[in-house]
Amino acid sequence: MHTLIISDIHLGSSVSRATKLLELLNTLTYERLILNGDIFDDLDFTRLEHSHWALLSKLRDLSNPKCGIDVIWIAGNHDGAASILSHLIGIPVKSEYLFEWNGKQCLVIHGHQFDRFMTHNPILSTIASWLYLGIQKLDTERQFVSRYLKRASKSWLRVSEKVAKGAVLYGLLKRANIVFCGHTHKAMKKELRGIQYFNSGCWTDIPSTYISITSDGIEIKEVE
């Protein structure tokens, strides 16, 4: 695999699927790993469980130059003082990242920059996040209720579409052919204004999703 893109792990959250992600990282072979924002849920490290620390240890090992893997961390809105946290896992943090694949320019950015509702309504956004997290905690093991709400939510779909449009416009300024985002927790693939847009979803929902880039193409893959 050329590149593996993962976003929105939210370590510290009780619904973070750190164990499943660790299994994936141990199973796949890849040249580049991009962590596209929201590795952490917040700055309260007392909320980190044993599996969360195990995943951080894995990320630190992967970032060792001897490993031969490029590990890139893009800051998300939940990552707080990312420049300080980068020392915890030994990975420098960036606001965005550009790379070339198959002769095409690829832009990776978390996506919260294009979420106007979150920017203009931080308190309501925080309350909505808490409510959804509460539903996930009370939900069944398969998250049937929260998965239904996510599919049925028109506001969630609107935010996902607005982030996609904003990211594509920014991609045009950067002369990118392909743009990758996270933030919305909704995996997505579409084409706008001649630019391919992908959202890598998250690792708090079932199924969790990630982006695989090989010489053959780009795919959104699921992990139950």
Protein backbone atom coordinates (compact mmCIF):
# COMPACT_ATOMS: atom_id res chain seq x y z
CA MET A 1 0.00 0.00 0.00
CA HIS A 2 1.31 3.45 -0.92
CA THR A 3 -0.57 5.51 1.67
CA LEU A 4 -2.99 4.85 4.53
CA ILE A 5 -5.17 7.77 5.72
CA ILE A 6 -6.96 7.62 9.06
CA SER A 7 -8.83 10.37 10.90
CA ASP A 8 -10.88 11.05 14.02
CA ILE A 9 -9.61 8.36 16.39
CA HIS A 10 -10.63 10.43 19.45
CA LEU A 11 -8.40 8.74 22.00
CA GLY A 12 -9.82 9.42 25.44
CA SER A 13 -13.37 8.84 24.30
CA SER A 14 -15.06 5.70 25.61
CA VAL A 15 -16.18 4.83 22.06
CA SER A 16 -12.75 5.15 20.45
CA ARG A 17 -11.97 1.87 18.65
CA ALA A 18 -8.24 1.99 19.39
CA THR A 19 -7.90 -1.80 19.63
CA LYS A 20 -9.41 -2.33 16.17
CA LEU A 21 -7.17 0.35 14.69
CA LEU A 22 -4.09 -1.19 16.31
CA GLU A 23 -5.01 -4.53 14.76
CA LEU A 24 -5.31 -2.85 11.35
CA LEU A 25 -1.94 -1.10 11.63
CA ASN A 26 -0.31 -4.40 12.62
CA THR A 27 -1.91 -6.22 9.69
CA LEU A 28 -1.37 -3.89 6.73
CA THR A 29 1.82 -2.93 4.92
CA TYR A 30 2.16 0.73 3.94
CA GLU A 31 4.80 3.29 3.00
CA ARG A 32 3.05 6.35 4.42
CA LEU A 33 0.58 6.79 7.30
CA ILE A 34 -1.38 10.03 7.49
CA LEU A 35 -3.28 10.79 10.71
CA ASN A 36 -5.73 13.39 9.50
CA GLY A 37 -6.77 15.11 12.71
CA ASP A 38 -8.51 14.45 16.02
CA ILE A 39 -6.17 11.76 17.28
CA PHE A 40 -7.25 12.88 20.74
CA ASP A 41 -10.72 13.68 22.03
CA ASP A 42 -9.40 16.33 24.43
CA LEU A 43 -6.36 17.11 26.60
CA ASP A 44 -7.50 15.04 29.61
CA PHE A 45 -4.97 12.19 29.52
CA THR A 46 -6.62 10.54 32.55
CA ARG A 47 -9.34 9.39 30.12
CA LEU A 48 -6.87 7.40 28.04
CA GLU A 49 -7.42 3.67 28.44
CA HIS A 50 -4.79 0.95 28.20
CA SER A 51 -5.69 0.28 24.56
CA HIS A 52 -5.31 4.00 23.80
CA TRP A 53 -1.78 4.05 25.23
CA ALA A 54 -0.98 0.88 23.26
CA LEU A 55 -2.01 2.61 20.03
CA LEU A 56 0.06 5.70 20.89
CA SER A 57 3.05 3.43 21.51
CA LYS A 58 2.51 1.84 18.08
CA LEU A 59 2.36 5.26 16.40
CA ARG A 60 5.56 6.28 18.14
CA ASP A 61 7.28 3.09 16.93
CA LEU A 62 6.07 3.69 13.36
CA SER A 63 7.45 7.24 13.42
CA ASN A 64 10.96 5.93 14.16
CA PRO A 65 13.09 6.52 11.02
CA LYS A 66 14.36 2.92 11.29
CA CYS A 67 10.81 1.76 10.54
CA GLY A 68 10.96 3.23 7.03
CA ILE A 69 7.41 4.62 7.16
CA ASP A 70 6.52 8.29 6.71
CA VAL A 71 4.08 9.22 9.49
CA ILE A 72 2.30 12.57 9.15
CA TRP A 73 -0.06 14.11 11.67
CA ILE A 74 -2.50 16.82 10.57
CA ALA A 75 -3.96 18.82 13.47
CA GLY A 76 -7.73 18.60 14.06
CA ASN A 77 -10.03 20.78 16.12
CA HIS A 78 -10.02 18.30 19.04
CA ASP A 79 -6.23 17.99 19.19
CA GLY A 80 -5.79 21.15 21.27
CA ALA A 81 -2.14 22.14 21.66
CA ALA A 82 -1.07 19.74 18.93
CA SER A 83 2.47 21.14 18.77
CA ILE A 84 2.93 20.06 22.41
CA LEU A 85 1.14 16.74 21.99
CA SER A 86 3.36 15.90 19.03
CA HIS A 87 6.20 15.26 21.49
CA LEU A 88 4.06 12.59 23.16
CA ILE A 89 4.06 10.41 20.06
CA GLY A 90 7.16 11.78 18.37
CA ILE A 91 5.38 13.01 15.24
CA PRO A 92 5.66 16.62 14.03
CA VAL A 93 2.25 18.18 13.48
CA LYS A 94 1.14 20.06 10.36
CA SER A 95 -1.94 22.11 9.47
CA GLU A 96 -2.13 20.46 6.04
CA TYR A 97 -0.06 18.17 3.83
CA LEU A 98 0.61 17.91 0.10
CA PHE A 99 1.96 14.87 -1.70
CA GLU A 100 2.06 13.48 -5.23
CA TRP A 101 0.44 10.23 -6.33
CA ASN A 102 0.31 8.91 -9.89
CA GLY A 103 1.22 12.35 -11.20
CA LYS A 104 -1.61 14.02 -9.25
CA GLN A 105 -1.32 16.60 -6.47
CA CYS A 106 -3.02 15.44 -3.27
CA LEU A 107 -4.03 17.73 -0.40
CA VAL A 108 -4.78 16.43 3.09
CA ILE A 109 -6.50 18.75 5.60
CA HIS A 110 -8.71 17.87 8.58
CA GLY A 111 -11.73 19.86 7.38
CA HIS A 112 -12.97 21.71 10.47
CA GLN A 113 -11.76 24.88 8.78
CA PHE A 114 -14.72 24.57 6.39
CA ASP A 115 -17.36 23.83 9.05
CA ARG A 116 -18.98 27.24 9.43
CA PHE A 117 -21.59 26.03 11.93
CA MET A 118 -18.87 24.82 14.32
CA THR A 119 -16.89 28.03 13.82
CA HIS A 120 -19.85 30.33 14.47
CA ASN A 121 -21.66 28.17 17.06
CA PRO A 122 -18.95 26.56 19.22
CA ILE A 123 -21.21 26.03 22.26
CA LEU A 124 -24.02 24.39 20.26
CA SER A 125 -21.46 22.26 18.43
CA THR A 126 -19.98 21.07 21.72
CA ILE A 127 -23.43 20.24 23.14
CA ALA A 128 -24.35 18.31 19.98
CA SER A 129 -21.11 16.32 20.23
CA TRP A 130 -21.80 15.46 23.88
CA LEU A 131 -25.35 14.37 23.08
CA TYR A 132 -24.21 12.09 20.27
CA LEU A 133 -21.44 10.64 22.45
CA GLY A 134 -24.04 9.97 25.17
CA ILE A 135 -26.24 8.14 22.68
CA GLN A 136 -23.28 6.03 21.56
CA LYS A 137 -22.48 5.11 25.17
CA LEU A 138 -26.07 3.98 25.83
CA ASP A 139 -26.45 2.30 22.46
CA THR A 140 -26.22 -1.40 21.71
CA GLU A 141 -22.85 -2.99 20.97
CA ARG A 142 -23.54 -2.66 17.24
CA GLN A 143 -24.54 1.03 17.62
CA PHE A 144 -27.85 0.51 15.80
CA VAL A 145 -29.48 3.69 17.18
CA SER A 146 -26.54 6.03 16.61
CA ARG A 147 -25.95 4.59 13.14
CA TYR A 148 -29.60 5.21 12.25
CA LEU A 149 -29.48 8.78 13.58
CA LYS A 150 -26.34 9.47 11.59
CA ARG A 151 -27.92 8.20 8.36
CA ALA A 152 -31.20 10.06 8.97
CA SER A 153 -29.71 13.38 10.09
CA LYS A 154 -30.16 16.04 7.40
CA SER A 155 -27.99 18.50 9.36
CA TRP A 156 -25.16 15.95 9.42
CA LEU A 157 -25.48 15.52 5.67
CA ARG A 158 -25.50 19.29 5.15
CA VAL A 159 -22.33 19.74 7.20
CA SER A 160 -20.64 16.93 5.28
CA GLU A 161 -21.57 18.56 1.97
CA LYS A 162 -20.44 22.03 3.11
CA VAL A 163 -17.10 20.70 4.31
CA ALA A 164 -16.66 18.93 0.97
CA LYS A 165 -17.43 22.09 -1.01
CA GLY A 166 -15.16 24.25 1.15
CA ALA A 167 -12.32 21.74 0.93
CA VAL A 168 -12.62 21.53 -2.86
CA LEU A 169 -12.53 25.32 -3.22
CA TYR A 170 -9.41 25.40 -1.06
CA GLY A 171 -8.01 22.56 -3.14
CA LEU A 172 -8.45 24.66 -6.26
CA LEU A 173 -6.34 27.41 -4.68
CA LYS A 174 -3.68 24.83 -3.89
CA ARG A 175 -3.90 23.39 -7.44
CA ALA A 176 -4.73 19.98 -6.00
CA ASN A 177 -6.34 17.22 -8.02
CA ILE A 178 -7.48 15.23 -4.99
CA VAL A 179 -8.52 16.44 -1.51
CA PHE A 180 -8.76 14.29 1.62
CA CYS A 181 -10.63 15.38 4.78
CA GLY A 182 -11.89 13.97 8.06
CA HIS A 183 -13.84 15.90 10.73
CA THR A 184 -17.42 15.02 9.72
CA HIS A 185 -17.17 11.34 10.80
CA LYS A 186 -18.97 10.50 7.56
CA ALA A 187 -17.00 8.60 4.91
CA MET A 188 -17.58 10.12 1.50
CA LYS A 189 -16.36 10.06 -2.08
CA LYS A 190 -17.42 12.54 -4.74
CA GLU A 191 -16.17 14.80 -7.50
CA LEU A 192 -16.67 18.57 -7.52
CA ARG A 193 -15.27 21.12 -9.98
CA GLY A 194 -13.03 18.45 -11.47
CA ILE A 195 -11.48 17.61 -8.09
CA GLN A 196 -11.87 14.25 -6.39
CA TYR A 197 -12.93 14.55 -2.73
CA PHE A 198 -12.60 11.83 -0.12
CA ASN A 199 -13.55 11.81 3.56
CA SER A 200 -11.96 9.09 5.68
CA GLY A 201 -14.77 8.86 8.25
CA CYS A 202 -13.84 8.01 11.85
CA TRP A 203 -12.83 5.41 14.45
CA THR A 204 -15.64 5.99 16.94
CA ASP A 205 -18.44 4.52 14.83
CA ILE A 206 -19.19 1.01 13.57
CA PRO A 207 -18.12 0.35 10.91
CA SER A 208 -14.94 2.41 11.16
CA THR A 209 -13.40 3.58 7.89
CA TYR A 210 -10.05 4.44 6.40
CA ILE A 211 -8.59 5.35 3.01
CA SER A 212 -6.26 3.04 1.14
CA ILE A 213 -4.11 4.41 -1.70
CA THR A 214 -2.34 1.91 -3.93
CA SER A 215 -0.89 2.06 -7.44
CA ASP A 216 -4.30 0.87 -8.67
CA GLY A 217 -6.43 3.57 -7.04
CA ILE A 218 -8.03 5.06 -3.95
CA GLU A 219 -10.58 3.19 -1.85
CA ILE A 220 -12.62 3.83 1.28
CA LYS A 221 -12.53 0.65 3.34
CA GLU A 222 -14.54 -0.45 6.36
CA VAL A 223 -13.68 -2.28 9.56
CA GLU A 224 -16.55 -3.81 11.51
